[in-house]
N, C-alpha and C. Protein backbone atom coordinates (compact mmCIF):
# COMPACT_ATOMS: atom_id res chain seq x y z
N MET A 1 82.81 -78.68 -179.39
CA MET A 1 82.83 -78.72 -177.77
C MET A 1 81.28 -77.62 -177.76
N ILE A 2 80.45 -77.38 -177.11
CA ILE A 2 79.92 -76.43 -176.25
C ILE A 2 79.07 -76.59 -174.79
N CYS A 3 79.25 -75.28 -174.17
CA CYS A 3 78.50 -75.19 -173.43
C CYS A 3 77.45 -74.68 -172.86
N ALA A 4 76.71 -75.55 -171.68
CA ALA A 4 75.71 -75.51 -170.85
C ALA A 4 75.71 -74.64 -169.82
N GLU A 5 74.99 -73.77 -169.73
CA GLU A 5 74.96 -73.16 -168.59
C GLU A 5 73.20 -73.85 -167.37
N VAL A 6 72.86 -74.53 -167.02
CA VAL A 6 71.47 -74.83 -166.76
C VAL A 6 71.44 -74.91 -165.05
N SER A 7 69.76 -74.57 -164.97
CA SER A 7 70.05 -73.85 -163.18
C SER A 7 68.58 -74.75 -162.95
N LEU A 8 68.27 -76.23 -161.85
CA LEU A 8 67.06 -76.58 -161.70
C LEU A 8 66.00 -75.97 -160.57
N TYR A 9 64.82 -76.26 -161.03
CA TYR A 9 64.54 -75.20 -159.92
C TYR A 9 63.14 -76.31 -159.25
N PRO A 10 63.06 -77.49 -158.55
CA PRO A 10 62.25 -77.74 -157.91
C PRO A 10 60.76 -77.34 -157.00
N LEU A 11 60.33 -77.83 -157.98
CA LEU A 11 58.88 -77.33 -157.24
C LEU A 11 58.21 -77.41 -156.19
N LYS A 12 56.93 -77.49 -155.41
CA LYS A 12 56.51 -77.85 -154.55
C LYS A 12 56.73 -78.62 -153.38
N THR A 13 57.49 -78.26 -153.43
CA THR A 13 58.88 -80.02 -152.37
C THR A 13 59.94 -78.53 -151.62
N ASN A 14 59.60 -79.16 -150.11
CA ASN A 14 61.16 -78.72 -148.72
C ASN A 14 62.11 -79.20 -149.37
N GLN A 15 62.35 -80.13 -150.06
CA GLN A 15 63.48 -81.04 -150.25
C GLN A 15 64.31 -80.32 -151.47
N ALA A 16 64.18 -79.06 -152.16
CA ALA A 16 64.79 -78.49 -153.68
C ALA A 16 66.56 -78.72 -153.33
N SER A 17 67.02 -78.45 -151.43
CA SER A 17 68.65 -78.85 -152.32
C SER A 17 68.78 -80.06 -152.66
N GLU A 18 68.40 -81.02 -151.73
CA GLU A 18 68.32 -82.59 -152.25
C GLU A 18 68.16 -83.38 -153.27
N ILE A 19 67.19 -82.59 -154.28
CA ILE A 19 66.72 -82.59 -155.37
C ILE A 19 68.40 -82.78 -157.04
N ILE A 20 68.07 -81.34 -156.15
CA ILE A 20 69.28 -80.88 -156.67
C ILE A 20 70.40 -81.37 -156.81
N ASN A 21 70.84 -81.24 -155.53
CA ASN A 21 72.25 -82.50 -154.73
C ASN A 21 72.60 -83.79 -156.21
N GLU A 22 71.17 -84.85 -155.30
CA GLU A 22 70.94 -86.17 -155.57
C GLU A 22 71.44 -85.77 -157.81
N SER A 23 70.52 -85.24 -158.58
CA SER A 23 70.52 -84.67 -159.91
C SER A 23 72.37 -85.32 -160.13
N LEU A 24 72.46 -83.79 -159.24
CA LEU A 24 73.71 -82.96 -160.58
C LEU A 24 75.33 -84.96 -159.58
N THR A 25 74.54 -85.48 -159.27
CA THR A 25 75.04 -86.20 -159.20
C THR A 25 75.19 -86.86 -160.36
N THR A 26 74.24 -87.78 -161.00
CA THR A 26 73.99 -87.60 -162.52
C THR A 26 75.74 -87.70 -163.63
N LEU A 27 75.96 -86.48 -163.24
CA LEU A 27 77.08 -86.19 -164.62
C LEU A 27 78.35 -86.00 -164.01
N ASP A 28 78.13 -86.56 -162.60
CA ASP A 28 80.22 -87.51 -162.95
C ASP A 28 80.01 -89.33 -163.45
N ARG A 29 78.59 -89.18 -163.82
CA ARG A 29 79.19 -90.41 -164.13
C ARG A 29 79.13 -90.42 -166.33
N GLN A 30 79.04 -89.05 -166.99
CA GLN A 30 79.19 -87.67 -167.83
C GLN A 30 80.53 -87.91 -168.06
N ASN A 31 81.53 -87.87 -169.05
CA ASN A 31 82.45 -87.69 -169.70
C ASN A 31 81.89 -86.22 -170.31
N VAL A 32 81.63 -85.22 -169.49
CA VAL A 32 81.50 -83.32 -168.71
C VAL A 32 82.35 -83.50 -168.39
N ASP A 33 83.05 -81.81 -168.41
CA ASP A 33 83.61 -80.57 -167.49
C ASP A 33 82.70 -80.50 -167.05
N TYR A 34 82.56 -79.77 -165.92
CA TYR A 34 81.79 -79.19 -165.44
C TYR A 34 81.53 -78.36 -163.49
N LYS A 35 81.45 -77.08 -163.52
CA LYS A 35 81.83 -76.45 -162.09
C LYS A 35 80.46 -76.01 -161.98
N VAL A 36 80.01 -76.34 -160.60
CA VAL A 36 78.36 -76.50 -160.03
C VAL A 36 78.98 -74.72 -159.69
N GLY A 37 77.71 -73.88 -159.42
CA GLY A 37 77.85 -72.19 -158.64
C GLY A 37 76.71 -72.74 -157.45
N SER A 38 76.78 -71.34 -157.03
CA SER A 38 75.55 -70.92 -155.96
C SER A 38 74.40 -71.16 -156.65
N ILE A 39 74.41 -71.25 -158.27
CA ILE A 39 72.56 -70.74 -159.00
C ILE A 39 72.59 -71.59 -159.75
N SER A 40 74.25 -71.27 -160.94
CA SER A 40 73.71 -72.68 -161.29
C SER A 40 75.30 -73.56 -162.15
N THR A 41 75.45 -74.80 -162.93
CA THR A 41 75.65 -75.16 -163.38
C THR A 41 76.43 -74.82 -165.32
N HIS A 42 77.88 -74.43 -165.16
CA HIS A 42 78.16 -74.25 -166.60
C HIS A 42 79.14 -76.99 -166.71
N ILE A 43 77.82 -76.72 -167.65
CA ILE A 43 79.00 -77.63 -168.64
C ILE A 43 79.02 -77.53 -169.88
N HIS A 44 80.70 -78.71 -169.75
CA HIS A 44 81.94 -78.49 -171.36
C HIS A 44 81.66 -79.54 -171.45
N GLY A 45 81.56 -80.06 -172.74
CA GLY A 45 81.74 -81.23 -173.69
C GLY A 45 81.63 -81.02 -174.91
N ASN A 46 81.29 -82.31 -175.77
CA ASN A 46 80.88 -82.42 -176.80
C ASN A 46 79.35 -82.03 -177.07
N ALA A 47 78.88 -81.93 -178.17
CA ALA A 47 77.84 -81.56 -177.89
C ALA A 47 77.63 -82.88 -177.37
N GLU A 48 77.35 -83.70 -178.19
CA GLU A 48 75.91 -85.14 -177.99
C GLU A 48 75.96 -85.47 -175.93
N GLN A 49 77.94 -85.15 -175.98
CA GLN A 49 77.17 -85.12 -174.48
C GLN A 49 77.14 -84.54 -173.73
N VAL A 50 77.52 -83.15 -173.81
CA VAL A 50 76.28 -81.83 -173.19
C VAL A 50 74.07 -82.68 -173.83
N TRP A 51 73.95 -83.06 -174.43
CA TRP A 51 72.59 -83.22 -174.90
C TRP A 51 72.69 -84.00 -173.47
N ALA A 52 73.07 -85.28 -173.33
CA ALA A 52 73.09 -86.07 -172.77
C ALA A 52 73.01 -85.80 -171.34
N SER A 53 74.40 -85.00 -170.88
CA SER A 53 74.20 -85.04 -169.68
C SER A 53 73.10 -84.07 -168.72
N LEU A 54 72.76 -83.25 -170.30
CA LEU A 54 71.86 -82.04 -169.56
C LEU A 54 70.23 -83.10 -169.66
N ARG A 55 69.70 -83.76 -170.06
CA ARG A 55 68.75 -84.75 -170.14
C ARG A 55 68.88 -85.32 -169.51
N GLN A 56 69.97 -86.68 -168.27
CA GLN A 56 70.00 -87.05 -167.00
C GLN A 56 69.82 -86.09 -165.90
N LEU A 57 70.65 -85.78 -166.08
CA LEU A 57 69.85 -83.91 -165.13
C LEU A 57 68.50 -83.84 -165.05
N PHE A 58 67.63 -83.81 -165.64
CA PHE A 58 66.62 -83.31 -166.14
C PHE A 58 65.73 -84.22 -165.89
N ASP A 59 66.34 -85.98 -166.22
CA ASP A 59 65.05 -86.54 -164.97
C ASP A 59 65.48 -87.29 -164.90
N LYS A 60 66.81 -87.68 -163.80
CA LYS A 60 66.96 -87.76 -162.21
C LYS A 60 66.17 -86.16 -161.12
N ALA A 61 65.74 -85.00 -161.88
CA ALA A 61 65.51 -84.47 -160.67
C ALA A 61 62.75 -84.19 -160.93
N GLN A 62 63.51 -84.38 -162.04
CA GLN A 62 61.57 -85.31 -162.63
C GLN A 62 61.27 -86.05 -162.00
N ALA A 63 62.06 -87.20 -161.11
CA ALA A 63 61.75 -88.29 -160.51
C ALA A 63 61.68 -88.21 -159.45
N ALA A 64 61.58 -87.15 -159.21
CA ALA A 64 61.40 -86.79 -156.73
C ALA A 64 60.39 -86.25 -157.49
N SER A 65 60.22 -85.06 -157.63
CA SER A 65 59.60 -83.50 -157.53
C SER A 65 59.05 -82.95 -159.43
N GLU A 66 57.66 -82.64 -159.26
CA GLU A 66 57.91 -80.86 -160.97
C GLU A 66 58.83 -81.15 -160.37
N VAL A 67 59.51 -80.37 -161.68
CA VAL A 67 61.64 -79.43 -161.05
C VAL A 67 61.03 -78.41 -163.31
N SER A 68 61.71 -77.68 -163.01
CA SER A 68 61.59 -76.78 -163.48
C SER A 68 63.12 -76.32 -164.29
N MET A 69 63.55 -76.55 -164.39
CA MET A 69 65.07 -76.64 -165.73
C MET A 69 65.57 -75.26 -166.14
N VAL A 70 66.38 -74.62 -166.74
CA VAL A 70 66.40 -73.27 -167.41
C VAL A 70 67.88 -73.36 -167.87
N VAL A 71 67.78 -73.43 -169.13
CA VAL A 71 69.34 -73.90 -169.85
C VAL A 71 70.03 -73.02 -170.51
N THR A 72 71.00 -71.93 -170.44
CA THR A 72 71.41 -71.73 -171.72
C THR A 72 72.51 -71.72 -172.08
N ILE A 73 72.54 -72.53 -173.40
CA ILE A 73 73.96 -72.92 -174.47
C ILE A 73 74.59 -71.98 -175.69
N THR A 74 75.25 -72.06 -175.30
CA THR A 74 76.56 -71.81 -176.54
C THR A 74 77.54 -72.66 -177.28
N ASN A 75 78.13 -72.44 -178.29
CA ASN A 75 78.88 -72.95 -179.12
C ASN A 75 80.18 -71.97 -179.52
N ALA A 76 80.03 -71.22 -179.45
CA ALA A 76 80.75 -70.12 -179.12
C ALA A 76 82.25 -70.96 -178.71
N ALA A 77 83.62 -70.14 -179.83
CA ALA A 77 84.63 -71.33 -179.32
C ALA A 77 85.74 -70.43 -178.68
N ASP A 78 85.19 -68.60 -177.91
CA ASP A 78 85.90 -67.54 -177.21
C ASP A 78 86.76 -68.65 -176.41
N ASP A 79 87.97 -68.72 -175.90
CA ASP A 79 88.93 -68.53 -174.90
C ASP A 79 87.81 -68.23 -172.83
N GLU A 80 87.42 -66.93 -173.19
CA GLU A 80 87.05 -66.98 -172.42
C GLU A 80 86.07 -67.68 -171.59
N ILE A 81 85.06 -67.64 -172.26
CA ILE A 81 83.72 -69.11 -172.42
C ILE A 81 84.18 -70.24 -171.58
N GLN A 82 85.12 -70.65 -172.20
CA GLN A 82 85.67 -71.63 -172.26
C GLN A 82 86.31 -71.92 -171.42
N GLY A 83 87.28 -71.69 -171.10
CA GLY A 83 88.39 -71.22 -170.29
C GLY A 83 88.41 -70.68 -168.68
N ARG A 84 87.29 -70.14 -168.75
CA ARG A 84 87.18 -69.79 -166.70
C ARG A 84 87.03 -70.80 -165.74
N HIS A 85 86.95 -72.06 -166.18
CA HIS A 85 86.91 -72.92 -165.66
C HIS A 85 87.58 -73.79 -165.86
N ARG A 86 89.53 -73.66 -166.16
CA ARG A 86 90.41 -73.92 -166.43
C ARG A 86 91.71 -74.14 -165.34
N VAL A 87 91.96 -74.56 -165.11
CA VAL A 87 93.72 -74.32 -164.61
C VAL A 87 95.00 -74.99 -165.09
N GLN A 88 96.01 -73.84 -165.82
CA GLN A 88 96.43 -73.81 -166.62
C GLN A 88 95.96 -74.57 -167.95
N GLY A 89 95.36 -74.17 -168.23
CA GLY A 89 94.82 -75.29 -169.77
C GLY A 89 94.15 -76.54 -169.48
N ARG A 90 94.12 -76.78 -168.40
CA ARG A 90 93.39 -78.03 -168.42
C ARG A 90 91.28 -77.61 -167.40
N PRO A 91 90.43 -79.03 -168.19
CA PRO A 91 89.85 -78.88 -167.77
C PRO A 91 89.68 -79.41 -166.27
N VAL A 92 88.96 -78.22 -165.32
CA VAL A 92 88.64 -78.51 -163.90
C VAL A 92 87.13 -79.57 -163.17
N ARG A 93 86.86 -80.38 -162.88
CA ARG A 93 86.16 -80.75 -162.72
C ARG A 93 85.33 -80.81 -161.32
N SER A 94 84.68 -80.00 -161.42
CA SER A 94 83.65 -78.89 -159.42
C SER A 94 82.33 -79.21 -159.20
N ARG A 95 82.46 -80.01 -157.65
CA ARG A 95 81.15 -80.04 -157.33
C ARG A 95 80.99 -79.07 -156.37
N GLN A 96 79.98 -79.12 -155.79
CA GLN A 96 79.87 -78.74 -154.38
C GLN A 96 78.70 -78.53 -154.02
N ILE A 97 78.40 -79.38 -152.59
CA ILE A 97 76.85 -79.76 -152.50
C ILE A 97 76.13 -77.73 -152.11
N VAL A 98 75.24 -78.07 -152.67
CA VAL A 98 74.21 -76.46 -153.29
C VAL A 98 73.32 -76.93 -151.50
N ASP A 99 73.06 -75.48 -150.91
CA ASP A 99 72.27 -75.37 -149.84
C ASP A 99 70.99 -74.64 -149.64
N LEU A 100 70.18 -74.40 -149.98
CA LEU A 100 69.27 -73.44 -150.71
C LEU A 100 68.57 -73.13 -149.64
């Protein structure tokens, strides 16, 4: 299992919120757990699924605008890292609308 923290930054557009939110819909089709925050999204899953999710996220965003994507990835098995988006030991899928 790995965890990625990702932030998307659409460039040269007034539609940043729309591009980010539309890009985040790609995570609904991936077999990963994720939580959307105000400035980044945490994605948890096996390595192949997380990497595929990041690729889909970037591809969707770049289709709409020039974009910068910042990613931090860890394979640490620390419960604090993996557990912060869990309820009673079960992963939580979470999504919220981002308004910039």
